[in-house]
Amino acid sequence: MRFVLLSLEFDAGTFSGNGIYACSQARSLAQLGHQVLVVAGAPAGRSSNGTATPAHPQQEQQHQLDQPRVLYVELPVWGCLDTSCGWREYAAGAGSTVAAEVAAFGAAAVLGVDWHSVGAYDALAAALPPGTLPPFVVYHRTAAGKALEMIAAREAAALARSCCSLVLSRSDAAYLHMHFPGAADSPLHVLLPALRSDMESLPPPQPSNDAAAAGAAATAAGGVDTVAGAGTAAELEAAADLEAAAWAAARCHLLCCVRVSPEKEPHRFVDVLGELQRRGSLQAAGVVPVMCGAGWGSDYGAALLLRLRQLVPQCVVHDSFLGPAEMAVLYASTLLNLHPPTYDAYGMTVVEAASQGAPSLVQEGGGVGATDLLSGQAGEVLLCNMEQPVGQLADMVEAVLADRARLAATGRKAMAKARSWTERDNAAALAGHVERALAGQGGGGAAGVEVAHDDGSGSSKVD
């Protein structure tokens, strides 16, 4: 099938999970044999269009088979996705500079990433087939004032134009049905993002000799996760403690890895660090705090950095782009990843951390989409009320850091689940939704939402 993917952010100057997810989906669809043309925004200075030419001509055929082609529209504003971004210029450029190439491509379906794609879709309407599939991300949940009105209108328009829509979580699906009851009459599906292939390909941390010995001891005692009676309680506890100690020996970081913007609420992590620093808990636990994410150059980011330096001067701050290998090293040395927002459409860094055995502490109640994949009940993620007073939240973080056995067990289960849902699985589910929608067999709709991936069984219907 031929897909056009509309995404303001893609592989040129990627700064958020939107761009990473768009790249992941375009790449995986192409690798399944679909042809993908991407119309993407880019920072000023990125003027070349098309895919990078392979170094050797004989590679061209394979390159065309498994890589999307990209048409770029240069934008005057970069690094943000709110109403101050270059969404107007993106739409105008799509309708003027790349329209002929889009028309020549002959797409069967259009994929739109969030509300920014609506204007570009309208500008390219004569070159595109009817029916688009935004939004992947619901934005107006975190917007306010005039921005709320404008973004909500565009998300409603996207749902109304769509023959099938996709969101990242059950929470967003329920929200859309509640706030756009008329516009959400077309099928609405929850498609969980997958661990991207460049992270999946990196091996998880290898157990040390001590960890291997602990595993052998646990097996000899009947296994840490065995049924009661397969070893004495003392033997099982001792084996679990040894395994936890070995797991923790290579880990020292208390991590926060989110974009530095108000809706991601990194200030909550700084508040907790400040309280733990005041108590002397960071030093007592041998923990090194780390913050990683783009956006420090904004007024919000600059003020937060100044406060962080005053409260916790030893905190390590990564303010430049880290590639997959660098992120994997960071996650593999993490004791606990604290994901601070009370709402996040997905929270891909929670899953990425899990892929390297790092457990996360996340908002309870389903407001963070990653908890649709990683289950608190199954012990794959740690849940709490992020809105509780900072002292109480610091109490919980302190207690969790002290329980290395629980951290190790959570990290182990999280890693298995994160690596069970791949880009290929995600792309196959996406293509299936599109094919059924185009054939008039979308299903779902206002009566319910289809969820892929739920508990390992594929798709399940949730009323």
Protein backbone atom coordinates (compact mmCIF):
# COMPACT_ATOMS: atom_id res chain seq x y z
CA MET A 1 0.00 0.00 0.00
CA ARG A 2 1.12 3.58 -0.64
CA PHE A 3 1.00 5.87 2.41
CA VAL A 4 1.54 9.61 2.73
CA LEU A 5 2.59 10.52 6.26
CA LEU A 6 2.10 14.14 7.36
CA SER A 7 4.24 15.10 10.35
CA LEU A 8 5.49 18.54 11.29
CA GLU A 9 8.44 16.87 13.03
CA PHE A 10 10.39 13.99 11.54
CA ASP A 11 14.10 13.17 11.24
CA ALA A 12 15.52 16.68 10.75
CA GLY A 13 16.29 18.15 14.17
CA THR A 14 14.03 15.71 16.05
CA PHE A 15 13.21 17.09 19.48
CA SER A 16 10.18 15.19 20.83
CA GLY A 17 8.49 11.83 20.99
CA ASN A 18 6.23 12.86 18.11
CA GLY A 19 9.13 12.94 15.69
CA ILE A 20 10.62 9.73 17.05
CA TYR A 21 7.27 7.93 16.73
CA ALA A 22 6.68 9.27 13.21
CA CYS A 23 10.12 8.01 12.14
CA SER A 24 9.42 4.64 13.74
CA GLN A 25 6.11 4.18 11.94
CA ALA A 26 7.38 5.33 8.54
CA ARG A 27 10.41 3.07 8.81
CA SER A 28 8.48 0.01 9.96
CA LEU A 29 5.75 0.40 7.33
CA ALA A 30 8.42 0.62 4.64
CA GLN A 31 10.18 -2.45 5.99
CA LEU A 32 6.89 -4.38 5.77
CA GLY A 33 6.88 -3.62 2.04
CA HIS A 34 4.62 -0.56 1.96
CA GLN A 35 5.70 2.57 0.10
CA VAL A 36 5.81 5.65 2.31
CA LEU A 37 6.14 9.31 1.34
CA VAL A 38 6.66 11.67 4.28
CA VAL A 39 5.85 15.39 4.16
CA ALA A 40 7.72 16.82 7.13
CA GLY A 41 8.75 20.11 8.64
CA ALA A 42 12.43 20.91 9.10
CA PRO A 43 14.45 23.69 10.72
CA ALA A 44 15.77 26.48 8.52
CA GLY A 45 18.75 25.38 6.45
CA ARG A 46 17.43 21.93 5.65
CA SER A 47 16.64 22.53 1.97
CA SER A 48 17.30 19.16 0.31
CA ASN A 49 14.34 16.88 -0.32
CA GLY A 50 14.17 13.14 -0.75
CA THR A 51 15.94 10.30 0.98
CA ALA A 52 19.69 10.31 1.38
CA THR A 53 21.32 8.77 -1.69
CA PRO A 54 23.13 5.51 -0.92
CA ALA A 55 26.91 5.54 -1.28
CA HIS A 56 26.80 2.80 -3.91
CA PRO A 57 24.27 2.79 -6.78
CA GLN A 58 23.66 -0.95 -6.39
CA GLN A 59 22.18 -0.23 -2.95
CA GLU A 60 19.45 1.96 -4.44
CA GLN A 61 16.93 -0.81 -5.05
CA GLN A 62 17.04 -2.10 -1.47
CA HIS A 63 17.12 1.47 -0.15
CA GLN A 64 13.91 2.29 -1.99
CA LEU A 65 12.26 -0.86 -0.65
CA ASP A 66 12.87 -0.35 3.05
CA GLN A 67 13.19 3.42 3.53
CA PRO A 68 10.52 6.13 3.33
CA ARG A 69 11.04 9.08 1.04
CA VAL A 70 10.90 12.47 2.75
CA LEU A 71 9.85 15.87 1.38
CA TYR A 72 10.82 18.73 3.70
CA VAL A 73 9.14 22.07 4.30
CA GLU A 74 11.49 24.51 6.03
CA LEU A 75 9.95 26.30 9.00
CA PRO A 76 10.90 29.58 10.71
CA VAL A 77 10.24 28.23 14.22
CA TRP A 78 11.61 24.93 15.50
CA GLY A 79 11.75 23.04 18.77
CA CYS A 80 8.13 23.39 19.92
CA LEU A 81 4.76 21.85 19.08
CA ASP A 82 2.33 24.35 20.61
CA THR A 83 0.51 27.12 18.75
CA SER A 84 3.72 29.17 18.50
CA CYS A 85 5.30 26.56 16.19
CA GLY A 86 5.43 26.81 12.40
CA TRP A 87 2.19 24.96 11.70
CA ARG A 88 0.87 27.65 9.34
CA GLU A 89 4.07 27.65 7.29
CA TYR A 90 4.02 23.86 7.25
CA ALA A 91 0.54 23.85 5.73
CA ALA A 92 1.39 26.59 3.23
CA GLY A 93 4.61 24.88 2.17
CA ALA A 94 2.94 21.52 1.80
CA GLY A 95 0.34 23.03 -0.51
CA SER A 96 2.85 24.85 -2.70
CA THR A 97 6.32 23.27 -2.73
CA VAL A 98 5.60 19.55 -2.58
CA ALA A 99 2.02 19.19 -3.88
CA ALA A 100 3.02 17.99 -7.35
CA GLU A 101 5.26 15.24 -5.97
CA VAL A 102 2.57 14.14 -3.53
CA ALA A 103 0.02 13.92 -6.35
CA ALA A 104 2.43 11.91 -8.51
CA PHE A 105 3.00 9.47 -5.66
CA GLY A 106 -0.61 8.23 -5.86
CA ALA A 107 -1.27 7.46 -2.21
CA ALA A 108 -3.95 5.01 -1.14
CA ALA A 109 -4.12 6.39 2.40
CA VAL A 110 -2.96 9.36 4.45
CA LEU A 111 -1.57 9.24 7.98
CA GLY A 112 -1.53 12.44 10.00
CA VAL A 113 0.45 13.02 13.18
CA ASP A 114 -1.51 15.26 15.59
CA TRP A 115 -3.30 18.54 14.90
CA HIS A 116 -0.48 20.04 12.83
CA SER A 117 -1.33 17.68 9.98
CA VAL A 118 -4.86 19.05 9.45
CA GLY A 119 -3.79 22.23 7.67
CA ALA A 120 -1.31 20.35 5.50
CA TYR A 121 -3.99 17.79 4.62
CA ASP A 122 -6.39 20.54 3.58
CA ALA A 123 -3.66 22.27 1.53
CA LEU A 124 -2.88 18.99 -0.24
CA ALA A 125 -6.52 17.90 -0.61
CA ALA A 126 -6.46 17.86 -4.41
CA ALA A 127 -3.40 15.59 -4.35
CA LEU A 128 -4.64 13.17 -1.70
CA PRO A 129 -7.28 10.45 -1.44
CA PRO A 130 -10.19 11.15 0.90
CA GLY A 131 -9.84 9.99 4.49
CA THR A 132 -6.98 10.65 6.85
CA LEU A 133 -6.04 9.15 10.19
CA PRO A 134 -5.09 11.79 12.74
CA PRO A 135 -4.56 12.36 15.53
CA PHE A 136 -1.89 10.13 17.00
CA VAL A 137 -1.57 12.57 19.89
CA VAL A 138 -4.31 14.52 21.65
CA TYR A 139 -3.05 18.01 22.40
CA HIS A 140 -5.90 20.05 23.69
CA ARG A 141 -5.90 18.10 26.97
CA THR A 142 -2.85 20.15 27.99
CA ALA A 143 -3.71 23.40 26.20
CA ALA A 144 -5.35 26.47 27.71
CA GLY A 145 -6.94 29.77 26.66
CA LYS A 146 -6.96 30.61 22.96
CA ALA A 147 -4.63 27.72 22.22
CA LEU A 148 -7.22 25.32 23.65
CA GLU A 149 -9.93 26.66 21.38
CA MET A 150 -7.79 26.51 18.25
CA ILE A 151 -6.26 23.08 18.86
CA ALA A 152 -9.59 21.56 19.91
CA ALA A 153 -11.17 22.82 16.69
CA ARG A 154 -8.41 21.23 14.62
CA GLU A 155 -8.60 17.94 16.45
CA ALA A 156 -12.37 17.90 15.93
CA ALA A 157 -11.78 18.58 12.22
CA ALA A 158 -9.27 15.74 12.04
CA LEU A 159 -11.74 13.29 13.60
CA ALA A 160 -14.55 14.47 11.32
CA ARG A 161 -12.43 14.01 8.16
CA SER A 162 -11.11 10.62 9.19
CA CYS A 163 -12.39 7.24 8.08
CA CYS A 164 -10.53 5.78 11.05
CA SER A 165 -8.58 7.45 13.87
CA LEU A 166 -5.75 6.26 16.08
CA VAL A 167 -4.72 7.37 19.55
CA LEU A 168 -1.94 6.29 21.88
CA SER A 169 -3.89 5.27 24.97
CA ARG A 170 -7.24 4.23 26.38
CA SER A 171 -7.28 7.47 28.31
CA ASP A 172 -7.12 9.56 25.13
CA ALA A 173 -9.75 7.40 23.45
CA ALA A 174 -12.16 7.94 26.33
CA TYR A 175 -11.36 11.64 26.34
CA LEU A 176 -12.13 12.02 22.62
CA HIS A 177 -15.43 10.18 22.93
CA MET A 178 -16.39 12.46 25.81
CA HIS A 179 -15.35 15.78 24.27
CA PHE A 180 -16.08 15.11 20.57
CA PRO A 181 -19.13 12.80 20.66
CA GLY A 182 -20.20 13.69 17.13
CA ALA A 183 -16.80 13.89 15.50
CA ALA A 184 -15.65 10.56 16.94
CA ASP A 185 -18.32 8.50 15.18
CA SER A 186 -15.75 6.95 12.82
CA PRO A 187 -13.74 4.01 14.17
CA LEU A 188 -11.35 4.96 16.95
CA HIS A 189 -8.48 2.64 17.80
CA VAL A 190 -5.80 2.59 20.48
CA LEU A 191 -2.48 1.69 18.88
CA LEU A 192 0.30 1.59 21.45
CA PRO A 193 3.68 2.81 20.20
CA ALA A 194 6.35 0.13 20.08
CA LEU A 195 9.88 0.15 21.37
CA ARG A 196 11.70 1.61 18.40
CA SER A 197 14.00 -0.72 16.52
CA ASP A 198 17.22 1.17 17.23
CA MET A 199 16.57 0.70 20.96
CA GLU A 200 15.31 -2.86 20.60
CA SER A 201 18.48 -3.86 18.73
CA LEU A 202 20.67 -2.82 21.65
CA PRO A 203 21.22 -5.76 24.01
CA PRO A 204 19.96 -5.50 27.57
CA PRO A 205 22.51 -5.34 30.37
CA GLN A 206 24.35 -8.60 30.87
CA PRO A 207 24.20 -10.05 34.37
CA SER A 208 27.38 -9.89 36.37
CA ASN A 209 28.94 -12.99 37.87
CA ASP A 210 27.17 -12.20 41.12
CA ALA A 211 23.84 -11.90 39.31
CA ALA A 212 24.44 -15.19 37.52
CA ALA A 213 25.20 -16.84 40.85
CA ALA A 214 22.03 -15.31 42.29
CA GLY A 215 20.01 -16.67 39.41
CA ALA A 216 21.49 -20.12 39.93
CA ALA A 217 20.71 -19.91 43.63
CA ALA A 218 17.15 -18.85 42.90
CA THR A 219 16.72 -21.74 40.47
CA ALA A 220 18.14 -24.18 42.98
CA ALA A 221 15.72 -22.86 45.57
CA GLY A 222 12.80 -23.22 43.24
CA GLY A 223 12.99 -19.84 41.49
CA VAL A 224 12.18 -16.34 42.70
CA ASP A 225 8.83 -16.37 40.93
CA THR A 226 7.82 -19.93 41.70
CA VAL A 227 4.73 -21.22 43.42
CA ALA A 228 4.70 -21.54 47.17
CA GLY A 229 6.44 -24.63 48.47
CA ALA A 230 9.08 -24.87 45.71
CA GLY A 231 11.77 -23.83 48.19
CA THR A 232 11.77 -22.55 51.70
CA ALA A 233 10.75 -18.97 52.25
CA ALA A 234 14.19 -18.20 53.64
CA GLU A 235 15.92 -19.70 50.58
CA LEU A 236 13.73 -17.75 48.18
CA GLU A 237 14.22 -14.51 50.09
CA ALA A 238 17.97 -14.96 50.24
CA ALA A 239 18.18 -15.69 46.51
CA ALA A 240 16.00 -12.68 45.68
CA ASP A 241 18.13 -10.43 47.88
CA LEU A 242 21.33 -11.65 46.23
CA GLU A 243 19.89 -11.14 42.76
CA ALA A 244 18.65 -7.65 43.68
CA ALA A 245 22.01 -6.66 45.10
CA ALA A 246 23.77 -7.81 41.94
CA TRP A 247 21.26 -5.96 39.74
CA ALA A 248 21.65 -2.76 41.74
CA ALA A 249 25.44 -2.91 41.85
CA ALA A 250 25.69 -1.54 38.30
CA ARG A 251 22.97 1.09 38.82
CA CYS A 252 23.20 4.42 40.60
CA HIS A 253 20.98 6.91 38.75
CA LEU A 254 17.68 8.48 39.75
CA LEU A 255 16.58 9.57 36.29
CA CYS A 256 14.03 11.95 34.78
CA CYS A 257 13.87 11.83 30.99
CA VAL A 258 11.18 14.14 29.58
CA ARG A 259 11.03 17.19 27.34
CA VAL A 260 11.60 20.31 29.44
CA SER A 261 8.20 21.91 29.02
CA PRO A 262 5.36 22.68 31.46
CA GLU A 263 3.06 19.88 30.28
CA LYS A 264 5.75 17.28 31.08
CA GLU A 265 6.07 18.72 34.60
CA PRO A 266 9.83 18.20 35.13
CA HIS A 267 9.59 20.78 37.94
CA ARG A 268 8.01 18.01 40.03
CA PHE A 269 11.21 15.97 39.73
CA VAL A 270 13.26 19.00 40.75
CA ASP A 271 10.97 19.52 43.77
CA VAL A 272 11.48 15.89 44.85
CA LEU A 273 15.24 16.13 44.35
CA GLY A 274 15.34 19.28 46.45
CA GLU A 275 13.52 17.54 49.31
CA LEU A 276 15.71 14.42 49.11
CA GLN A 277 18.81 16.63 49.03
CA ARG A 278 17.62 18.51 52.12
CA ARG A 279 17.20 15.23 53.96
CA GLY A 280 20.58 13.89 52.85
CA SER A 281 18.81 10.93 51.26
CA LEU A 282 20.53 11.10 47.87
CA GLN A 283 23.98 10.79 49.40
CA ALA A 284 22.86 8.16 51.90
CA ALA A 285 21.42 6.00 49.12
CA GLY A 286 24.44 6.50 46.85
CA VAL A 287 22.18 7.90 44.17
CA VAL A 288 23.25 10.25 41.37
CA PRO A 289 20.32 12.34 40.02
CA VAL A 290 20.17 12.82 36.24
CA MET A 291 17.90 14.92 34.02
CA CYS A 292 17.78 14.35 30.28
CA GLY A 293 15.63 16.10 27.68
CA ALA A 294 15.38 18.92 25.16
CA GLY A 295 13.97 22.36 25.95
CA TRP A 296 16.39 23.89 28.45
CA GLY A 297 16.72 27.00 26.27
CA SER A 298 13.14 28.16 26.88
CA ASP A 299 12.26 30.62 29.63
CA TYR A 300 10.69 27.76 31.58
CA GLY A 301 13.76 25.57 31.04
CA ALA A 302 16.24 28.28 31.99
CA ALA A 303 14.39 29.06 35.22
CA LEU A 304 14.14 25.36 36.08
CA LEU A 305 17.85 24.81 35.44
CA LEU A 306 18.77 27.72 37.70
CA ARG A 307 16.59 26.31 40.47
CA LEU A 308 18.01 22.82 39.99
CA ARG A 309 21.57 24.11 40.25
CA GLN A 310 20.69 25.91 43.47
CA LEU A 311 18.93 22.94 45.08
CA VAL A 312 20.92 19.95 43.78
CA PRO A 313 24.20 21.16 42.28
CA GLN A 314 25.49 17.62 41.74
CA CYS A 315 22.59 16.69 39.40
CA VAL A 316 23.85 15.63 35.97
CA VAL A 317 22.03 17.43 33.14
CA HIS A 318 22.08 16.18 29.55
CA ASP A 319 20.91 19.14 27.47
CA SER A 320 22.10 17.89 24.08
CA PHE A 321 20.78 15.09 21.89
CA LEU A 322 21.66 11.57 23.02
CA GLY A 323 21.52 8.75 20.50
CA PRO A 324 20.06 5.30 21.19
CA ALA A 325 23.35 3.78 22.32
CA GLU A 326 23.99 6.64 24.75
CA MET A 327 20.43 6.41 26.09
CA ALA A 328 20.79 2.67 26.54
CA VAL A 329 23.92 3.18 28.65
CA LEU A 330 22.07 5.73 30.77
CA TYR A 331 19.03 3.48 31.24
CA ALA A 332 21.23 0.47 32.07
CA SER A 333 22.76 2.43 34.95
CA THR A 334 19.40 3.66 36.28
CA LEU A 335 17.92 2.47 39.56
CA LEU A 336 14.65 4.33 39.09
CA ASN A 337 13.20 6.44 36.30
CA LEU A 338 10.75 9.00 37.71
CA HIS A 339 8.26 10.07 35.04
CA PRO A 340 6.69 13.24 36.50
CA PRO A 341 3.65 14.25 34.37
CA THR A 342 0.16 13.45 35.61
CA TYR A 343 -0.89 13.08 31.97
CA ASP A 344 1.18 11.92 29.02
CA ALA A 345 -0.25 10.68 25.73
CA TYR A 346 2.21 7.81 25.95
CA GLY A 347 5.59 8.38 27.62
CA MET A 348 7.95 6.46 25.34
CA THR A 349 10.94 6.99 27.62
CA VAL A 350 9.21 4.80 30.23
CA VAL A 351 9.25 1.91 27.74
CA GLU A 352 12.78 2.70 26.56
CA ALA A 353 14.01 2.66 30.15
CA ALA A 354 12.23 -0.66 30.66
CA SER A 355 14.04 -2.15 27.66
CA GLN A 356 17.26 -1.82 29.65
CA GLY A 357 15.77 -3.15 32.86
CA ALA A 358 15.16 0.23 34.50
CA PRO A 359 11.87 0.44 36.43
CA SER A 360 9.76 3.59 36.34
CA LEU A 361 7.57 5.41 38.86
CA VAL A 362 4.57 6.78 36.96
CA GLN A 363 1.24 8.50 37.63
CA GLU A 364 -1.51 6.07 38.60
CA GLY A 365 -4.96 5.91 37.04
CA GLY A 366 -4.08 5.37 33.36
CA GLY A 367 -3.27 8.99 32.52
CA VAL A 368 0.14 7.97 31.18
CA GLY A 369 -0.35 5.85 28.07
CA ALA A 370 2.67 3.62 28.68
CA THR A 371 0.75 2.03 31.56
CA ASP A 372 -1.54 0.45 28.95
CA LEU A 373 1.50 -1.67 28.05
CA LEU A 374 3.36 -1.89 31.35
CA SER A 375 0.98 -3.06 34.06
CA GLY A 376 1.23 -1.97 37.65
CA GLN A 377 -0.86 -4.95 38.71
CA ALA A 378 1.60 -7.30 36.97
CA GLY A 379 4.53 -5.59 38.67
CA GLU A 380 5.93 -4.08 35.46
CA VAL A 381 5.76 -0.44 36.58
CA LEU A 382 5.47 1.41 39.90
CA LEU A 383 2.46 3.70 40.32
CA CYS A 384 1.70 6.62 42.61
CA ASN A 385 -0.20 9.89 42.89
CA MET A 386 2.22 12.45 41.47
CA GLU A 387 0.02 15.28 42.78
CA GLN A 388 0.50 14.40 46.43
CA PRO A 389 2.52 16.88 48.53
CA VAL A 390 6.19 16.87 47.63
CA GLY A 391 7.18 15.59 51.06
CA GLN A 392 4.95 12.55 50.68
CA LEU A 393 6.18 11.91 47.14
CA ALA A 394 9.77 12.15 48.40
CA ASP A 395 8.87 9.63 51.14
CA MET A 396 7.70 7.19 48.48
CA VAL A 397 10.76 7.68 46.28
CA GLU A 398 12.98 7.18 49.32
CA ALA A 399 11.17 3.93 50.22
CA VAL A 400 11.28 2.63 46.64
CA LEU A 401 15.01 3.33 46.32
CA ALA A 402 15.61 1.41 49.54
CA ASP A 403 13.78 -1.68 48.26
CA ARG A 404 16.30 -2.99 45.72
CA ALA A 405 14.57 -6.37 45.50
CA ARG A 406 11.36 -4.70 44.36
CA LEU A 407 13.22 -2.48 41.89
CA ALA A 408 15.07 -5.46 40.43
CA ALA A 409 11.89 -7.52 40.05
CA THR A 410 10.01 -4.62 38.46
CA GLY A 411 12.89 -3.89 36.09
CA ARG A 412 13.09 -7.52 35.00
CA LYS A 413 9.35 -7.77 34.27
CA ALA A 414 9.28 -4.37 32.57
CA MET A 415 12.13 -5.36 30.26
CA ALA A 416 10.34 -8.51 29.11
CA LYS A 417 7.11 -6.63 28.38
CA ALA A 418 8.80 -3.67 26.64
CA ARG A 419 10.62 -6.01 24.27
CA SER A 420 7.47 -8.01 23.48
CA TRP A 421 5.81 -5.28 21.36
CA THR A 422 7.92 -4.34 18.33
CA GLU A 423 7.85 -1.81 15.52
CA ARG A 424 6.87 -4.59 13.16
CA ASP A 425 3.90 -5.54 15.37
CA ASN A 426 2.83 -1.90 15.55
CA ALA A 427 3.11 -1.34 11.79
CA ALA A 428 1.20 -4.52 10.99
CA ALA A 429 -1.61 -3.45 13.32
CA LEU A 430 -1.65 0.04 11.77
CA ALA A 431 -1.81 -1.31 8.22
CA GLY A 432 -4.61 -3.67 9.22
CA HIS A 433 -6.67 -0.80 10.67
CA VAL A 434 -6.19 1.21 7.46
CA GLU A 435 -7.03 -1.65 5.14
CA ARG A 436 -10.23 -2.45 7.05
CA ALA A 437 -11.23 1.22 7.18
CA LEU A 438 -10.75 1.66 3.44
CA ALA A 439 -12.79 -1.48 2.87
CA GLY A 440 -15.55 -0.08 5.07
CA GLN A 441 -14.95 -2.58 7.86
CA GLY A 442 -13.49 -0.26 10.50
CA GLY A 443 -15.55 -1.45 13.47
CA GLY A 444 -15.15 0.21 16.84
CA GLY A 445 -16.64 3.68 16.64
CA ALA A 446 -18.50 5.29 19.49
CA ALA A 447 -19.47 1.90 20.91
CA GLY A 448 -15.93 1.07 21.94
CA VAL A 449 -12.27 1.19 21.03
CA GLU A 450 -9.98 -1.48 19.69
CA VAL A 451 -6.72 -1.78 21.62
CA ALA A 452 -3.56 -3.21 20.12
CA HIS A 453 -1.39 -4.35 22.16
CA ASP A 454 -3.07 -5.09 25.48
CA ASP A 455 -1.97 -8.10 27.49
CA GLY A 456 -0.01 -9.95 24.85
CA SER A 457 -3.08 -11.33 23.12
CA GLY A 458 -3.11 -8.84 20.24
CA SER A 459 -6.26 -6.75 20.02
CA SER A 460 -9.04 -6.64 22.53
CA LYS A 461 -12.18 -4.59 22.62
CA VAL A 462 -12.63 -2.20 25.53
CA ASP A 463 -16.07 -0.65 26.09
